[in-house]
Amino acid sequence: MNLGPLKVADLVVQFVHDGYAIRPLDGLTFEARPGELVVLLGPSGCGKTTLLSCLGGILTPTSGSITLGDIDVTATRGKDLDAFRREQIGFVFQAFNLIPSLTARENIAVPLVLTGHGRKASFERADELLGQVGLADRGHHLPSRLSGGQQQRVAVARGLGHNPPLLLADEPTANLDHIQAEAIIRVLQGLRDDGRTIVVSTHDARLVPIADRIVQLVPVGGHDEIPTQEVTYSTGESIFEQGDHSELVYVIKSGKVDVIRVLADGGEELLIQLGPNQYFGELGPFLGFPRSASVRASTDVVLTAYSPRVFREKVLHRN
């Protein structure tokens, strides 16, 4: 099963929406060894599902490379890519995606039958996997007769049907209570023992303690809060650029700034001009997102730069 390490190098994914470019992944690099559980950590919208789609050969990145052992995933096409997805990758979806009219056992076995495995061997494999995820006595239950946590364990078992070396799980503990989530976490822990690499996307901190490797998709700021400071910019100077990491919120003391959306074709769109006593840049630090626009000084400008906490207290007057 072991194909070698998973390597992601300088990965960029860019989408064009309403004429401007969005980069949920911009220069991402990491490596995972066989038998490791990798947690992709970050808030909704930060590119976790996009990355899983690239790792599974569903989405082709704009640039960069993904290799699994000696397989160059980003260069694989056509029937070879179909075979890679079918043989080397297991998917576990957040929404379970179980077929309501099939039992738990059938939900695991039928995909194997449809991809050319013998019927007897497929159902034997389903029974083996149900035992592995602690549901040996639930094989003949329809999804509607299973709890959310049990359905997720069936989904994990289905993803393991063809014994893939790389298992990709998208938010497997989302919407589960702590008891159900603990059962999923125990299953994931046990799956590393045979050398399988597991990559899990989540915003759930409960998965962090079991991770062998954590990939932060949104930069984590330091523990020391940035002090409030007065900063000056000359006419035409950039305060920050679209896509930059965001830590500070700015209030204009004097002068004016232009808020600009950079378009995919390299052009620019002026969104608004702001003047004294107005503020900008608050959403990125509050939500953990990169900057959604560029801001440049349209005149010489003096700004007060706040940390998000101090901005809420001093400017918005919220504790």
C-alpha atoms as a PDB file:
ATOM      1  CA  MET A   1       0.000   0.000   0.000  1.00  0.00           C
ATOM      2  CA  ASN A   2       2.827   2.422   0.861  1.00  0.00           C
ATOM      3  CA  LEU A   3       3.644   4.499  -2.225  1.00  0.00           C
ATOM      4  CA  GLY A   4       5.984   6.912  -0.494  1.00  0.00           C
ATOM      5  CA  PRO A   5       5.621  10.439   0.862  1.00  0.00           C
ATOM      6  CA  LEU A   6       3.004  12.964  -0.189  1.00  0.00           C
ATOM      7  CA  LYS A   7       4.718  16.167  -1.321  1.00  0.00           C
ATOM      8  CA  VAL A   8       3.024  19.483  -2.096  1.00  0.00           C
ATOM      9  CA  ALA A   9       5.282  22.194  -3.521  1.00  0.00           C
ATOM     10  CA  ASP A  10       4.451  25.851  -4.247  1.00  0.00           C
ATOM     11  CA  LEU A  11       0.791  25.025  -4.895  1.00  0.00           C
ATOM     12  CA  VAL A  12      -1.328  27.840  -6.316  1.00  0.00           C
ATOM     13  CA  VAL A  13      -5.035  27.662  -7.109  1.00  0.00           C
ATOM     14  CA  GLN A  14      -6.626  30.713  -8.677  1.00  0.00           C
ATOM     15  CA  PHE A  15     -10.277  31.209  -9.573  1.00  0.00           C
ATOM     16  CA  VAL A  16     -11.787  34.127 -11.457  1.00  0.00           C
ATOM     17  CA  HIS A  17     -15.011  35.510  -9.993  1.00  0.00           C
ATOM     18  CA  ASP A  18     -16.774  38.588 -11.389  1.00  0.00           C
ATOM     19  CA  GLY A  19     -13.579  39.550 -13.179  1.00  0.00           C
ATOM     20  CA  TYR A  20     -11.209  39.433 -10.210  1.00  0.00           C
ATOM     21  CA  ALA A  21      -8.841  36.698  -9.104  1.00  0.00           C
ATOM     22  CA  ILE A  22      -9.226  34.690  -5.898  1.00  0.00           C
ATOM     23  CA  ARG A  23      -6.357  32.549  -4.643  1.00  0.00           C
ATOM     24  CA  PRO A  24      -7.527  30.208  -1.901  1.00  0.00           C
ATOM     25  CA  LEU A  25      -4.101  28.556  -2.096  1.00  0.00           C
ATOM     26  CA  ASP A  26      -1.039  30.644  -2.809  1.00  0.00           C
ATOM     27  CA  GLY A  27       2.369  28.981  -2.679  1.00  0.00           C
ATOM     28  CA  LEU A  28       1.454  26.188  -0.242  1.00  0.00           C
ATOM     29  CA  THR A  29       4.228  23.674   0.529  1.00  0.00           C
ATOM     30  CA  PHE A  30       4.234  20.701   2.900  1.00  0.00           C
ATOM     31  CA  GLU A  31       5.211  17.021   3.056  1.00  0.00           C
ATOM     32  CA  ALA A  32       3.607  14.018   4.768  1.00  0.00           C
ATOM     33  CA  ARG A  33       5.177  10.629   5.310  1.00  0.00           C
ATOM     34  CA  PRO A  34       3.362   7.287   5.118  1.00  0.00           C
ATOM     35  CA  GLY A  35       1.565   6.527   8.375  1.00  0.00           C
ATOM     36  CA  GLU A  36       1.022  10.173   9.262  1.00  0.00           C
ATOM     37  CA  LEU A  37      -2.248  11.930   9.981  1.00  0.00           C
ATOM     38  CA  VAL A  38      -2.157  15.453   8.574  1.00  0.00           C
ATOM     39  CA  VAL A  39      -4.688  18.040   9.757  1.00  0.00           C
ATOM     40  CA  LEU A  40      -5.467  20.964   7.441  1.00  0.00           C
ATOM     41  CA  LEU A  41      -6.536  23.646   9.866  1.00  0.00           C
ATOM     42  CA  GLY A  42      -8.374  26.858   9.110  1.00  0.00           C
ATOM     43  CA  PRO A  43     -11.769  28.585   9.003  1.00  0.00           C
ATOM     44  CA  SER A  44     -14.425  27.997   6.356  1.00  0.00           C
ATOM     45  CA  GLY A  45     -13.445  29.477   3.007  1.00  0.00           C
ATOM     46  CA  CYS A  46      -9.679  29.262   3.506  1.00  0.00           C
ATOM     47  CA  GLY A  47      -9.076  26.575   0.850  1.00  0.00           C
ATOM     48  CA  LYS A  48      -9.228  23.288   2.762  1.00  0.00           C
ATOM     49  CA  THR A  49     -11.700  21.560   0.419  1.00  0.00           C
ATOM     50  CA  THR A  50      -9.896  23.049  -2.597  1.00  0.00           C
ATOM     51  CA  LEU A  51      -6.655  21.464  -1.404  1.00  0.00           C
ATOM     52  CA  LEU A  52      -8.298  18.070  -0.867  1.00  0.00           C
ATOM     53  CA  SER A  53      -9.706  18.259  -4.403  1.00  0.00           C
ATOM     54  CA  CYS A  54      -6.207  18.892  -5.750  1.00  0.00           C
ATOM     55  CA  LEU A  55      -4.700  16.045  -3.708  1.00  0.00           C
ATOM     56  CA  GLY A  56      -7.383  13.694  -5.021  1.00  0.00           C
ATOM     57  CA  GLY A  57      -6.861  14.659  -8.657  1.00  0.00           C
ATOM     58  CA  ILE A  58     -10.323  16.223  -8.936  1.00  0.00           C
ATOM     59  CA  LEU A  59      -9.074  19.782  -9.407  1.00  0.00           C
ATOM     60  CA  THR A  60      -5.999  20.826 -11.398  1.00  0.00           C
ATOM     61  CA  PRO A  61      -4.050  23.590  -9.630  1.00  0.00           C
ATOM     62  CA  THR A  62      -2.962  26.745 -11.414  1.00  0.00           C
ATOM     63  CA  SER A  63       0.683  25.995 -10.674  1.00  0.00           C
ATOM     64  CA  GLY A  64       2.882  23.981  -8.350  1.00  0.00           C
ATOM     65  CA  SER A  65       3.140  20.217  -7.945  1.00  0.00           C
ATOM     66  CA  ILE A  66       1.683  17.311  -5.976  1.00  0.00           C
ATOM     67  CA  THR A  67       3.440  13.948  -5.884  1.00  0.00           C
ATOM     68  CA  LEU A  68       2.511  10.726  -4.109  1.00  0.00           C
ATOM     69  CA  GLY A  69       5.613   8.553  -4.124  1.00  0.00           C
ATOM     70  CA  ASP A  70       6.748   8.546  -7.741  1.00  0.00           C
ATOM     71  CA  ILE A  71       3.309   9.569  -9.094  1.00  0.00           C
ATOM     72  CA  ASP A  72       3.163  13.180 -10.295  1.00  0.00           C
ATOM     73  CA  VAL A  73      -0.505  13.850  -9.578  1.00  0.00           C
ATOM     74  CA  THR A  74      -0.545  17.280 -11.214  1.00  0.00           C
ATOM     75  CA  ALA A  75       0.857  15.892 -14.468  1.00  0.00           C
ATOM     76  CA  THR A  76      -1.432  12.841 -14.669  1.00  0.00           C
ATOM     77  CA  ARG A  77      -4.281  12.968 -17.186  1.00  0.00           C
ATOM     78  CA  GLY A  78      -7.042  10.900 -18.782  1.00  0.00           C
ATOM     79  CA  LYS A  79      -7.299   7.212 -17.964  1.00  0.00           C
ATOM     80  CA  ASP A  80      -4.190   7.329 -15.775  1.00  0.00           C
ATOM     81  CA  LEU A  81      -5.834   9.999 -13.618  1.00  0.00           C
ATOM     82  CA  ASP A  82      -9.041   7.962 -13.410  1.00  0.00           C
ATOM     83  CA  ALA A  83      -7.003   4.951 -12.281  1.00  0.00           C
ATOM     84  CA  PHE A  84      -5.152   7.067  -9.713  1.00  0.00           C
ATOM     85  CA  ARG A  85      -8.389   8.267  -8.155  1.00  0.00           C
ATOM     86  CA  ARG A  86      -9.920   4.809  -8.250  1.00  0.00           C
ATOM     87  CA  GLU A  87      -6.939   2.897  -6.832  1.00  0.00           C
ATOM     88  CA  GLN A  88      -4.841   5.250  -4.724  1.00  0.00           C
ATOM     89  CA  ILE A  89      -7.326   7.677  -3.142  1.00  0.00           C
ATOM     90  CA  GLY A  90     -10.127   7.217  -0.631  1.00  0.00           C
ATOM     91  CA  PHE A  91     -12.617  10.037  -0.073  1.00  0.00           C
ATOM     92  CA  VAL A  92     -14.693  10.747   3.041  1.00  0.00           C
ATOM     93  CA  PHE A  93     -17.249  13.494   2.525  1.00  0.00           C
ATOM     94  CA  GLN A  94     -18.627  15.843   5.171  1.00  0.00           C
ATOM     95  CA  ALA A  95     -22.216  15.175   4.066  1.00  0.00           C
ATOM     96  CA  PHE A  96     -21.681  11.359   4.246  1.00  0.00           C
ATOM     97  CA  ASN A  97     -23.211  10.889   0.719  1.00  0.00           C
ATOM     98  CA  LEU A  98     -24.642   7.496   1.653  1.00  0.00           C
ATOM     99  CA  ILE A  99     -27.342   6.069  -0.630  1.00  0.00           C
ATOM    100  CA  PRO A 100     -30.550   6.076   1.458  1.00  0.00           C
ATOM    101  CA  SER A 101     -31.997   2.897  -0.073  1.00  0.00           C
ATOM    102  CA  LEU A 102     -28.874   0.811   0.599  1.00  0.00           C
ATOM    103  CA  THR A 103     -27.844  -0.684   3.928  1.00  0.00           C
ATOM    104  CA  ALA A 104     -24.551   0.285   5.543  1.00  0.00           C
ATOM    105  CA  ARG A 105     -23.032  -2.952   4.222  1.00  0.00           C
ATOM    106  CA  GLU A 106     -24.299  -2.283   0.711  1.00  0.00           C
ATOM    107  CA  ASN A 107     -23.084   1.324   0.752  1.00  0.00           C
ATOM    108  CA  ILE A 108     -19.561  -0.024   1.223  1.00  0.00           C
ATOM    109  CA  ALA A 109     -19.746  -3.058  -1.067  1.00  0.00           C
ATOM    110  CA  VAL A 110     -21.643  -1.694  -4.072  1.00  0.00           C
ATOM    111  CA  PRO A 111     -18.940   0.845  -5.119  1.00  0.00           C
ATOM    112  CA  LEU A 112     -16.440  -2.012  -5.105  1.00  0.00           C
ATOM    113  CA  VAL A 113     -18.705  -4.161  -7.284  1.00  0.00           C
ATOM    114  CA  LEU A 114     -19.201  -1.260  -9.700  1.00  0.00           C
ATOM    115  CA  THR A 115     -15.433  -0.829 -10.094  1.00  0.00           C
ATOM    116  CA  GLY A 116     -14.867  -4.441 -11.068  1.00  0.00           C
ATOM    117  CA  HIS A 117     -14.421  -6.314  -7.809  1.00  0.00           C
ATOM    118  CA  GLY A 118     -16.225  -9.617  -7.312  1.00  0.00           C
ATOM    119  CA  ARG A 119     -19.525  -9.473  -5.440  1.00  0.00           C
ATOM    120  CA  LYS A 120     -18.549 -12.009  -2.764  1.00  0.00           C
ATOM    121  CA  ALA A 121     -15.180 -10.359  -2.125  1.00  0.00           C
ATOM    122  CA  SER A 122     -16.799  -6.906  -2.019  1.00  0.00           C
ATOM    123  CA  PHE A 123     -19.292  -7.883   0.672  1.00  0.00           C
ATOM    124  CA  GLU A 124     -16.598  -9.678   2.660  1.00  0.00           C
ATOM    125  CA  ARG A 125     -14.537  -6.482   2.506  1.00  0.00           C
ATOM    126  CA  ALA A 126     -17.571  -4.481   3.661  1.00  0.00           C
ATOM    127  CA  ASP A 127     -18.023  -6.768   6.674  1.00  0.00           C
ATOM    128  CA  GLU A 128     -14.315  -6.468   7.509  1.00  0.00           C
ATOM    129  CA  LEU A 129     -14.455  -2.664   7.381  1.00  0.00           C
ATOM    130  CA  LEU A 130     -17.657  -2.414   9.402  1.00  0.00           C
ATOM    131  CA  GLY A 131     -15.886  -4.353  12.125  1.00  0.00           C
ATOM    132  CA  GLN A 132     -12.877  -2.054  11.860  1.00  0.00           C
ATOM    133  CA  VAL A 133     -15.001   1.063  12.456  1.00  0.00           C
ATOM    134  CA  GLY A 134     -17.007  -0.565  15.258  1.00  0.00           C
ATOM    135  CA  LEU A 135     -20.259  -1.160  13.345  1.00  0.00           C
ATOM    136  CA  ALA A 136     -20.249  -4.913  12.828  1.00  0.00           C
ATOM    137  CA  ASP A 137     -23.773  -5.108  14.253  1.00  0.00           C
ATOM    138  CA  ARG A 138     -25.136  -2.269  12.071  1.00  0.00           C
ATOM    139  CA  GLY A 139     -24.413  -3.634   8.611  1.00  0.00           C
ATOM    140  CA  HIS A 140     -28.041  -4.271   7.691  1.00  0.00           C
ATOM    141  CA  HIS A 141     -29.303  -0.888   8.885  1.00  0.00           C
ATOM    142  CA  LEU A 142     -30.323   1.796   6.400  1.00  0.00           C
ATOM    143  CA  PRO A 143     -28.649   5.216   6.860  1.00  0.00           C
ATOM    144  CA  SER A 144     -31.905   6.582   8.301  1.00  0.00           C
ATOM    145  CA  ARG A 145     -31.560   4.102  11.173  1.00  0.00           C
ATOM    146  CA  LEU A 146     -28.024   5.268  12.010  1.00  0.00           C
ATOM    147  CA  SER A 147     -26.868   8.258  14.028  1.00  0.00           C
ATOM    148  CA  GLY A 148     -24.788  10.985  12.398  1.00  0.00           C
ATOM    149  CA  GLY A 149     -21.611   9.576  13.901  1.00  0.00           C
ATOM    150  CA  GLN A 150     -22.449   6.061  12.718  1.00  0.00           C
ATOM    151  CA  GLN A 151     -23.149   7.332   9.211  1.00  0.00           C
ATOM    152  CA  GLN A 152     -19.785   9.070   9.189  1.00  0.00           C
ATOM    153  CA  ARG A 153     -18.073   5.838  10.232  1.00  0.00           C
ATOM    154  CA  VAL A 154     -19.791   4.046   7.343  1.00  0.00           C
ATOM    155  CA  ALA A 155     -18.510   6.809   5.053  1.00  0.00           C
ATOM    156  CA  VAL A 156     -14.983   6.252   6.374  1.00  0.00           C
ATOM    157  CA  ALA A 157     -15.327   2.508   5.774  1.00  0.00           C
ATOM    158  CA  ARG A 158     -16.542   3.130   2.225  1.00  0.00           C
ATOM    159  CA  GLY A 159     -13.506   5.346   1.575  1.00  0.00           C
ATOM    160  CA  LEU A 160     -11.269   2.469   2.683  1.00  0.00           C
ATOM    161  CA  GLY A 161     -12.968  -0.123   0.477  1.00  0.00           C
ATOM    162  CA  HIS A 162     -10.167  -0.471  -2.072  1.00  0.00           C
ATOM    163  CA  ASN A 163      -7.467  -0.082   0.619  1.00  0.00           C
ATOM    164  CA  PRO A 164      -6.037   3.219  -0.681  1.00  0.00           C
ATOM    165  CA  PRO A 165      -2.652   4.503   0.512  1.00  0.00           C
ATOM    166  CA  LEU A 166      -4.059   8.044   0.823  1.00  0.00           C
ATOM    167  CA  LEU A 167      -7.335   8.812   2.614  1.00  0.00           C
ATOM    168  CA  LEU A 168      -8.805  12.316   2.254  1.00  0.00           C
ATOM    169  CA  ALA A 169     -11.485  13.368   4.761  1.00  0.00           C
ATOM    170  CA  ASP A 170     -13.378  16.659   4.491  1.00  0.00           C
ATOM    171  CA  GLU A 171     -14.572  17.937   7.891  1.00  0.00           C
ATOM    172  CA  PRO A 172     -15.311  14.427   9.243  1.00  0.00           C
ATOM    173  CA  THR A 173     -16.344  15.663  12.690  1.00  0.00           C
ATOM    174  CA  ALA A 174     -18.439  18.628  11.543  1.00  0.00           C
ATOM    175  CA  ASN A 175     -21.890  18.792  13.133  1.00  0.00           C
ATOM    176  CA  LEU A 176     -21.160  15.846  15.443  1.00  0.00           C
ATOM    177  CA  ASP A 177     -21.440  16.035  19.218  1.00  0.00           C
ATOM    178  CA  HIS A 178     -18.384  15.267  21.318  1.00  0.00           C
ATOM    179  CA  ILE A 179     -19.295  11.604  21.803  1.00  0.00           C
ATOM    180  CA  GLN A 180     -19.800  10.960  18.090  1.00  0.00           C
ATOM    181  CA  ALA A 181     -16.705  13.003  17.218  1.00  0.00           C
ATOM    182  CA  GLU A 182     -14.618  10.970  19.649  1.00  0.00           C
ATOM    183  CA  ALA A 183     -15.635   7.759  17.851  1.00  0.00           C
ATOM    184  CA  ILE A 184     -14.505   9.219  14.500  1.00  0.00           C
ATOM    185  CA  ILE A 185     -11.225  10.409  16.016  1.00  0.00           C
ATOM    186  CA  ARG A 186     -10.541   6.920  17.408  1.00  0.00           C
ATOM    187  CA  VAL A 187     -11.151   5.410  13.959  1.00  0.00           C
ATOM    188  CA  LEU A 188      -8.765   7.883  12.309  1.00  0.00           C
ATOM    189  CA  GLN A 189      -6.109   7.170  14.930  1.00  0.00           C
ATOM    190  CA  GLY A 190      -6.252   3.467  14.166  1.00  0.00           C
ATOM    191  CA  LEU A 191      -5.973   3.870  10.416  1.00  0.00           C
ATOM    192  CA  ARG A 192      -2.350   5.053  10.555  1.00  0.00           C
ATOM    193  CA  ASP A 193      -0.960   1.780  11.820  1.00  0.00           C
ATOM    194  CA  ASP A 194      -0.714   0.111   8.398  1.00  0.00           C
ATOM    195  CA  GLY A 195       1.225   2.955   6.792  1.00  0.00           C
ATOM    196  CA  ARG A 196      -1.726   4.804   5.317  1.00  0.00           C
ATOM    197  CA  THR A 197      -1.430   8.580   4.968  1.00  0.00           C
ATOM    198  CA  ILE A 198      -4.542  10.440   6.121  1.00  0.00           C
ATOM    199  CA  VAL A 199      -5.246  14.087   5.300  1.00  0.00           C
ATOM    200  CA  VAL A 200      -8.140  15.663   7.191  1.00  0.00           C
ATOM    201  CA  SER A 201      -9.551  19.138   6.658  1.00  0.00           C
ATOM    202  CA  THR A 202     -11.166  20.714   9.678  1.00  0.00           C
ATOM    203  CA  HIS A 203     -11.810  23.814  11.726  1.00  0.00           C
ATOM    204  CA  ASP A 204     -12.367  21.515  14.725  1.00  0.00           C
ATOM    205  CA  ALA A 205      -9.585  21.875  17.305  1.00  0.00           C
ATOM    206  CA  ARG A 206     -10.509  18.445  18.745  1.00  0.00           C
ATOM    207  CA  LEU A 207      -8.495  16.823  15.930  1.00  0.00           C
ATOM    208  CA  VAL A 208      -5.299  18.726  16.682  1.00  0.00           C
ATOM    209  CA  PRO A 209      -4.005  16.478  19.520  1.00  0.00           C
ATOM    210  CA  ILE A 210      -3.989  13.352  17.329  1.00  0.00           C
ATOM    211  CA  ALA A 211      -2.272  15.003  14.341  1.00  0.00           C
ATOM    212  CA  ASP A 212       1.260  14.031  13.347  1.00  0.00           C
ATOM    213  CA  ARG A 213       1.461  17.167  11.243  1.00  0.00           C
ATOM    214  CA  ILE A 214      -0.627  20.365  11.162  1.00  0.00           C
ATOM    215  CA  VAL A 215      -0.878  22.525   8.047  1.00  0.00           C
ATOM    216  CA  GLN A 216      -2.190  25.986   8.910  1.00  0.00           C
ATOM    217  CA  LEU A 217      -3.962  27.342   5.834  1.00  0.00           C
ATOM    218  CA  VAL A 218      -4.374  30.731   7.491  1.00  0.00           C
ATOM    219  CA  PRO A 219      -1.242  32.184   9.153  1.00  0.00           C
ATOM    220  CA  VAL A 220      -1.428  32.225  12.910  1.00  0.00           C
ATOM    221  CA  GLY A 221      -0.402  35.453  14.553  1.00  0.00           C
ATOM    222  CA  GLY A 222       2.028  35.603  17.431  1.00  0.00           C
ATOM    223  CA  HIS A 223       0.973  35.713  21.048  1.00  0.00           C
ATOM    224  CA  ASP A 224       2.137  39.328  21.487  1.00  0.00           C
ATOM    225  CA  GLU A 225      -0.507  41.810  20.418  1.00  0.00           C
ATOM    226  CA  ILE A 226       0.689  44.480  17.983  1.00  0.00           C
ATOM    227  CA  PRO A 227       0.630  47.856  19.789  1.00  0.00           C
ATOM    228  CA  THR A 228      -1.484  50.720  18.480  1.00  0.00           C
ATOM    229  CA  GLN A 229       0.671  52.984  16.315  1.00  0.00           C
ATOM    230  CA  GLU A 230       0.469  55.972  14.019  1.00  0.00           C
ATOM    231  CA  VAL A 231       1.742  55.337  10.484  1.00  0.00           C
ATOM    232  CA  THR A 232       2.163  57.614   7.459  1.00  0.00           C
ATOM    233  CA  TYR A 233       2.103  56.907   3.737  1.00  0.00           C
ATOM    234  CA  SER A 234       2.940  59.118   0.774  1.00  0.00           C
ATOM    235  CA  THR A 235       0.625  59.631  -2.208  1.00  0.00           C
ATOM    236  CA  GLY A 236       0.445  56.452  -4.299  1.00  0.00           C
ATOM    237  CA  GLU A 237       2.081  54.255  -1.661  1.00  0.00           C
ATOM    238  CA  SER A 238       0.549  50.829  -0.926  1.00  0.00           C
ATOM    239  CA  ILE A 239      -0.835  50.246   2.560  1.00  0.00           C
ATOM    240  CA  PHE A 240      -1.613  46.605   1.796  1.00  0.00           C
ATOM    241  CA  GLU A 241      -2.290  44.515  -1.283  1.00  0.00           C
ATOM    242  CA  GLN A 242      -5.100  42.136  -2.177  1.00  0.00           C
ATOM    243  CA  GLY A 243      -4.225  38.640  -0.920  1.00  0.00           C
ATOM    244  CA  ASP A 244      -1.884  39.836   1.851  1.00  0.00           C
ATOM    245  CA  HIS A 245      -2.128  38.358   5.343  1.00  0.00           C
ATOM    246  CA  SER A 246      -4.186  40.676   7.552  1.00  0.00           C
ATOM    247  CA  GLU A 247      -3.416  41.649  11.153  1.00  0.00           C
ATOM    248  CA  LEU A 248      -4.240  45.355  11.556  1.00  0.00           C
ATOM    249  CA  VAL A 249      -7.271  47.615  11.231  1.00  0.00           C
ATOM    250  CA  TYR A 250      -6.733  51.220  10.149  1.00  0.00           C
ATOM    251  CA  VAL A 251      -8.503  54.488  11.009  1.00  0.00           C
ATOM    252  CA  ILE A 252      -7.754  57.526   8.817  1.00  0.00           C
ATOM    253  CA  LYS A 253      -6.517  60.515  10.820  1.00  0.00           C
ATOM    254  CA  SER A 254      -5.852  62.758   7.800  1.00  0.00           C
ATOM    255  CA  GLY A 255      -5.740  62.369   4.026  1.00  0.00           C
ATOM    256  CA  LYS A 256      -7.534  59.925   1.751  1.00  0.00           C
ATOM    257  CA  VAL A 257      -7.097  56.320   0.604  1.00  0.00           C
ATOM    258  CA  ASP A 258      -8.379  54.358  -2.406  1.00  0.00           C
ATOM    259  CA  VAL A 259      -9.786  50.858  -1.918  1.00  0.00           C
ATOM    260  CA  ILE A 260      -9.016  48.935  -5.125  1.00  0.00           C
ATOM    261  CA  ARG A 261     -10.036  45.489  -6.390  1.00  0.00           C
ATOM    262  CA  VAL A 262      -7.319  43.904  -8.536  1.00  0.00           C
ATOM    263  CA  LEU A 263      -8.857  42.085 -11.517  1.00  0.00           C
ATOM    264  CA  ALA A 264      -7.749  38.775 -12.987  1.00  0.00           C
ATOM    265  CA  ASP A 265      -6.522  40.426 -16.199  1.00  0.00           C
ATOM    266  CA  GLY A 266      -4.236  42.746 -14.242  1.00  0.00           C
ATOM    267  CA  GLY A 267      -6.599  45.695 -14.363  1.00  0.00           C
ATOM    268  CA  GLU A 268      -7.949  47.515 -11.319  1.00  0.00           C
ATOM    269  CA  GLU A 269     -11.371  48.665 -10.129  1.00  0.00           C
ATOM    270  CA  LEU A 270     -11.812  51.524  -7.662  1.00  0.00           C
ATOM    271  CA  LEU A 271     -14.324  50.389  -5.052  1.00  0.00           C
ATOM    272  CA  ILE A 272     -14.434  53.438  -2.797  1.00  0.00           C
ATOM    273  CA  GLN A 273     -12.382  56.385  -1.579  1.00  0.00           C
ATOM    274  CA  LEU A 274     -12.225  56.928   2.173  1.00  0.00           C
ATOM    275  CA  GLY A 275     -11.310  60.006   4.194  1.00  0.00           C
ATOM    276  CA  PRO A 276     -10.715  61.217   7.776  1.00  0.00           C
ATOM    277  CA  ASN A 277     -12.375  59.292  10.635  1.00  0.00           C
ATOM    278  CA  GLN A 278     -13.313  56.387   8.382  1.00  0.00           C
ATOM    279  CA  TYR A 279     -11.781  52.950   8.889  1.00  0.00           C
ATOM    280  CA  PHE A 280     -10.814  50.023   6.659  1.00  0.00           C
ATOM    281  CA  GLY A 281      -9.274  46.551   6.763  1.00  0.00           C
ATOM    282  CA  GLU A 282     -11.374  45.206   9.634  1.00  0.00           C
ATOM    283  CA  LEU A 283     -12.886  42.079   8.049  1.00  0.00           C
ATOM    284  CA  GLY A 284      -9.637  40.270   7.293  1.00  0.00           C
ATOM    285  CA  PRO A 285      -8.296  40.258  10.878  1.00  0.00           C
ATOM    286  CA  PHE A 286     -11.728  39.521  12.366  1.00  0.00           C
ATOM    287  CA  LEU A 287     -12.432  36.557  10.071  1.00  0.00           C
ATOM    288  CA  GLY A 288      -8.917  35.230   9.544  1.00  0.00           C
ATOM    289  CA  PHE A 289      -9.069  35.894   5.791  1.00  0.00           C
ATOM    290  CA  PRO A 290      -6.438  37.450   3.517  1.00  0.00           C
ATOM    291  CA  ARG A 291      -7.048  40.966   2.243  1.00  0.00           C
ATOM    292  CA  SER A 292      -9.911  41.070  -0.280  1.00  0.00           C
ATOM    293  CA  ALA A 293      -8.761  44.337  -1.866  1.00  0.00           C
ATOM    294  CA  SER A 294      -5.753  46.630  -2.081  1.00  0.00           C
ATOM    295  CA  VAL A 295      -5.590  49.997  -0.304  1.00  0.00           C
ATOM    296  CA  ARG A 296      -3.320  52.810  -1.497  1.00  0.00           C
ATOM    297  CA  ALA A 297      -2.804  56.370  -0.378  1.00  0.00           C
ATOM    298  CA  SER A 298      -4.537  58.758  -2.782  1.00  0.00           C
ATOM    299  CA  THR A 299      -2.967  61.694  -0.877  1.00  0.00           C
ATOM    300  CA  ASP A 300      -0.376  61.855   1.839  1.00  0.00           C
ATOM    301  CA  VAL A 301      -2.171  60.055   4.649  1.00  0.00           C
ATOM    302  CA  VAL A 302      -1.815  59.546   8.390  1.00  0.00           C
ATOM    303  CA  LEU A 303      -3.390  56.394   9.855  1.00  0.00           C
ATOM    304  CA  THR A 304      -3.841  54.864  13.277  1.00  0.00           C
ATOM    305  CA  ALA A 305      -3.214  51.113  13.143  1.00  0.00           C
ATOM    306  CA  TYR A 306      -5.019  48.942  15.711  1.00  0.00           C
ATOM    307  CA  SER A 307      -5.035  45.291  16.628  1.00  0.00           C
ATOM    308  CA  PRO A 308      -8.538  43.809  16.133  1.00  0.00           C
ATOM    309  CA  ARG A 309      -9.163  43.642  19.900  1.00  0.00           C
ATOM    310  CA  VAL A 310      -8.185  47.247  20.568  1.00  0.00           C
ATOM    311  CA  PHE A 311     -10.108  48.420  17.485  1.00  0.00           C
ATOM    312  CA  ARG A 312     -13.284  46.786  18.830  1.00  0.00           C
ATOM    313  CA  GLU A 313     -12.801  48.368  22.247  1.00  0.00           C
ATOM    314  CA  LYS A 314     -11.600  51.853  21.259  1.00  0.00           C
ATOM    315  CA  VAL A 315     -13.344  52.489  17.936  1.00  0.00           C
ATOM    316  CA  LEU A 316     -16.419  50.239  17.882  1.00  0.00           C
ATOM    317  CA  HIS A 317     -16.781  50.479  21.684  1.00  0.00           C
ATOM    318  CA  ARG A 318     -17.491  46.753  22.002  1.00  0.00           C
ATOM    319  CA  ASN A 319     -15.944  44.635  24.731  1.00  0.00           C
END
